[in-house]
Amino acid sequence: MPKAVQKTLLGEGGVQGLDGGPHRHRKHLFMSLMSPDQIGEISQLTAAMADSHAEMEVER
């Protein structure tokens, strides 16, 4: 990514600039969340948080 884009849009040292080992490590970290069990858990947590926030808005 060109330095001008990094400085203005993404910030220097951001994840968009990772390469090699650091990139593979971060990709592995996120891909480990993509199993059917993990996706189900993330879906349940997201739904529970959405419900909680909706209830808070109704109480206002």
N, C-alpha and C. Protein backbone atom coordinates (compact mmCIF):
# COMPACT_ATOMS: atom_id res chain seq x y z
N MET A 1 0.85 -1.17 0.00
CA MET A 1 0.00 0.00 0.00
C MET A 1 0.90 1.24 0.00
N PRO A 2 0.59 2.20 -0.86
CA PRO A 2 1.42 3.41 -0.89
C PRO A 2 1.43 4.13 0.45
N LYS A 3 2.58 4.71 0.82
CA LYS A 3 2.72 5.39 2.10
C LYS A 3 1.70 6.51 2.27
N ALA A 4 1.40 7.24 1.19
CA ALA A 4 0.43 8.34 1.30
C ALA A 4 -0.94 7.82 1.72
N VAL A 5 -1.34 6.66 1.21
CA VAL A 5 -2.63 6.07 1.58
C VAL A 5 -2.57 5.59 3.02
N GLN A 6 -1.48 4.96 3.41
CA GLN A 6 -1.34 4.50 4.79
C GLN A 6 -1.45 5.65 5.77
N LYS A 7 -0.79 6.76 5.46
CA LYS A 7 -0.78 7.89 6.39
C LYS A 7 -2.14 8.58 6.47
N THR A 8 -2.86 8.66 5.35
CA THR A 8 -4.09 9.45 5.36
C THR A 8 -5.33 8.63 5.66
N LEU A 9 -5.41 7.39 5.19
CA LEU A 9 -6.64 6.62 5.32
C LEU A 9 -6.57 5.52 6.37
N LEU A 10 -5.45 4.86 6.47
CA LEU A 10 -5.37 3.64 7.27
C LEU A 10 -4.53 3.79 8.52
N GLY A 11 -3.64 4.72 8.55
CA GLY A 11 -2.73 4.86 9.68
C GLY A 11 -1.51 3.99 9.49
N GLU A 12 -0.39 4.48 9.89
CA GLU A 12 0.85 3.71 9.76
C GLU A 12 0.88 2.60 10.80
N GLY A 13 1.42 1.47 10.44
CA GLY A 13 1.53 0.35 11.35
C GLY A 13 0.24 -0.44 11.52
N GLY A 14 -0.74 -0.18 10.68
CA GLY A 14 -2.02 -0.88 10.77
C GLY A 14 -1.96 -2.28 10.18
N VAL A 15 -3.00 -3.03 10.41
CA VAL A 15 -3.07 -4.41 9.96
C VAL A 15 -3.01 -4.51 8.43
N GLN A 16 -3.43 -3.48 7.74
CA GLN A 16 -3.43 -3.51 6.27
C GLN A 16 -2.03 -3.63 5.71
N GLY A 17 -1.03 -3.28 6.49
CA GLY A 17 0.34 -3.34 6.01
C GLY A 17 1.08 -4.61 6.41
N LEU A 18 0.40 -5.55 7.05
CA LEU A 18 1.09 -6.78 7.47
C LEU A 18 1.45 -7.65 6.28
N ASP A 19 2.58 -8.32 6.40
CA ASP A 19 3.06 -9.23 5.37
C ASP A 19 3.75 -10.41 6.03
N GLY A 20 3.95 -11.46 5.28
CA GLY A 20 4.73 -12.60 5.75
C GLY A 20 4.17 -13.25 7.00
N GLY A 21 5.05 -13.54 7.95
CA GLY A 21 4.68 -14.24 9.18
C GLY A 21 3.60 -13.54 9.99
N PRO A 22 3.73 -12.22 10.21
CA PRO A 22 2.68 -11.53 10.96
C PRO A 22 1.30 -11.62 10.28
N HIS A 23 1.30 -11.54 8.96
CA HIS A 23 0.03 -11.67 8.22
C HIS A 23 -0.56 -13.07 8.40
N ARG A 24 0.28 -14.09 8.25
CA ARG A 24 -0.21 -15.47 8.41
C ARG A 24 -0.73 -15.73 9.82
N HIS A 25 -0.03 -15.19 10.82
CA HIS A 25 -0.45 -15.37 12.21
C HIS A 25 -1.83 -14.74 12.44
N ARG A 26 -2.01 -13.51 11.98
CA ARG A 26 -3.29 -12.82 12.18
C ARG A 26 -4.40 -13.52 11.40
N LYS A 27 -4.10 -13.98 10.18
CA LYS A 27 -5.10 -14.69 9.39
C LYS A 27 -5.52 -15.97 10.11
N HIS A 28 -4.56 -16.70 10.65
CA HIS A 28 -4.87 -17.93 11.38
C HIS A 28 -5.75 -17.64 12.59
N LEU A 29 -5.46 -16.54 13.28
CA LEU A 29 -6.25 -16.14 14.44
C LEU A 29 -7.72 -15.95 14.05
N PHE A 30 -7.97 -15.22 12.99
CA PHE A 30 -9.35 -14.97 12.57
C PHE A 30 -10.00 -16.19 11.93
N MET A 31 -9.24 -16.96 11.19
CA MET A 31 -9.81 -18.16 10.56
C MET A 31 -10.18 -19.20 11.60
N SER A 32 -9.53 -19.18 12.76
CA SER A 32 -9.88 -20.13 13.82
C SER A 32 -11.29 -19.86 14.35
N LEU A 33 -11.83 -18.68 14.07
CA LEU A 33 -13.19 -18.34 14.49
C LEU A 33 -14.24 -18.78 13.47
N MET A 34 -13.83 -19.39 12.38
CA MET A 34 -14.74 -19.70 11.29
C MET A 34 -15.27 -21.13 11.28
N SER A 35 -15.06 -21.89 12.36
CA SER A 35 -15.62 -23.23 12.42
C SER A 35 -17.13 -23.11 12.66
N PRO A 36 -17.90 -24.11 12.28
CA PRO A 36 -19.36 -24.04 12.49
C PRO A 36 -19.72 -23.77 13.96
N ASP A 37 -19.02 -24.41 14.90
CA ASP A 37 -19.31 -24.19 16.32
C ASP A 37 -19.03 -22.74 16.72
N GLN A 38 -17.90 -22.22 16.28
CA GLN A 38 -17.53 -20.85 16.63
C GLN A 38 -18.50 -19.84 15.99
N ILE A 39 -18.88 -20.06 14.76
CA ILE A 39 -19.82 -19.16 14.09
C ILE A 39 -21.16 -19.18 14.82
N GLY A 40 -21.60 -20.36 15.26
CA GLY A 40 -22.84 -20.46 16.03
C GLY A 40 -22.75 -19.67 17.33
N GLU A 41 -21.63 -19.79 18.01
CA GLU A 41 -21.45 -19.07 19.28
C GLU A 41 -21.42 -17.55 19.04
N ILE A 42 -20.71 -17.12 18.01
CA ILE A 42 -20.65 -15.70 17.69
C ILE A 42 -22.05 -15.20 17.34
N SER A 43 -22.81 -15.99 16.61
CA SER A 43 -24.18 -15.61 16.24
C SER A 43 -25.05 -15.45 17.48
N GLN A 44 -24.95 -16.38 18.40
CA GLN A 44 -25.74 -16.31 19.64
C GLN A 44 -25.35 -15.08 20.47
N LEU A 45 -24.06 -14.83 20.60
CA LEU A 45 -23.60 -13.67 21.37
C LEU A 45 -24.06 -12.36 20.73
N THR A 46 -23.99 -12.31 19.41
CA THR A 46 -24.42 -11.10 18.70
C THR A 46 -25.91 -10.86 18.90
N ALA A 47 -26.72 -11.91 18.79
CA ALA A 47 -28.17 -11.78 18.99
C ALA A 47 -28.48 -11.34 20.41
N ALA A 48 -27.78 -11.90 21.39
CA ALA A 48 -28.01 -11.52 22.79
C ALA A 48 -27.64 -10.06 23.03
N MET A 49 -26.54 -9.62 22.45
CA MET A 49 -26.14 -8.22 22.62
C MET A 49 -27.14 -7.29 21.93
N ALA A 50 -27.61 -7.66 20.76
CA ALA A 50 -28.59 -6.84 20.05
C ALA A 50 -29.88 -6.73 20.87
N ASP A 51 -30.32 -7.85 21.43
CA ASP A 51 -31.52 -7.84 22.27
C ASP A 51 -31.31 -6.93 23.48
N SER A 52 -30.16 -7.04 24.11
CA SER A 52 -29.86 -6.24 25.30
C SER A 52 -29.88 -4.75 24.96
N HIS A 53 -29.27 -4.39 23.86
CA HIS A 53 -29.24 -2.97 23.47
C HIS A 53 -30.63 -2.49 23.08
N ALA A 54 -31.43 -3.32 22.45
CA ALA A 54 -32.79 -2.94 22.09
C ALA A 54 -33.62 -2.71 23.36
N GLU A 55 -33.45 -3.55 24.36
CA GLU A 55 -34.17 -3.38 25.62
C GLU A 55 -33.76 -2.09 26.31
N MET A 56 -32.48 -1.76 26.25
CA MET A 56 -32.01 -0.52 26.87
C MET A 56 -32.63 0.69 26.18
N GLU A 57 -32.77 0.63 24.87
CA GLU A 57 -33.36 1.73 24.13
C GLU A 57 -34.84 1.89 24.47
N VAL A 58 -35.55 0.80 24.66
CA VAL A 58 -36.97 0.84 25.00
C VAL A 58 -37.16 1.47 26.38
N GLU A 59 -36.23 1.18 27.29
CA GLU A 59 -36.31 1.69 28.66
C GLU A 59 -36.07 3.19 28.74
N ARG A 60 -35.42 3.75 27.75
CA ARG A 60 -35.12 5.20 27.75
C ARG A 60 -36.37 5.94 27.64
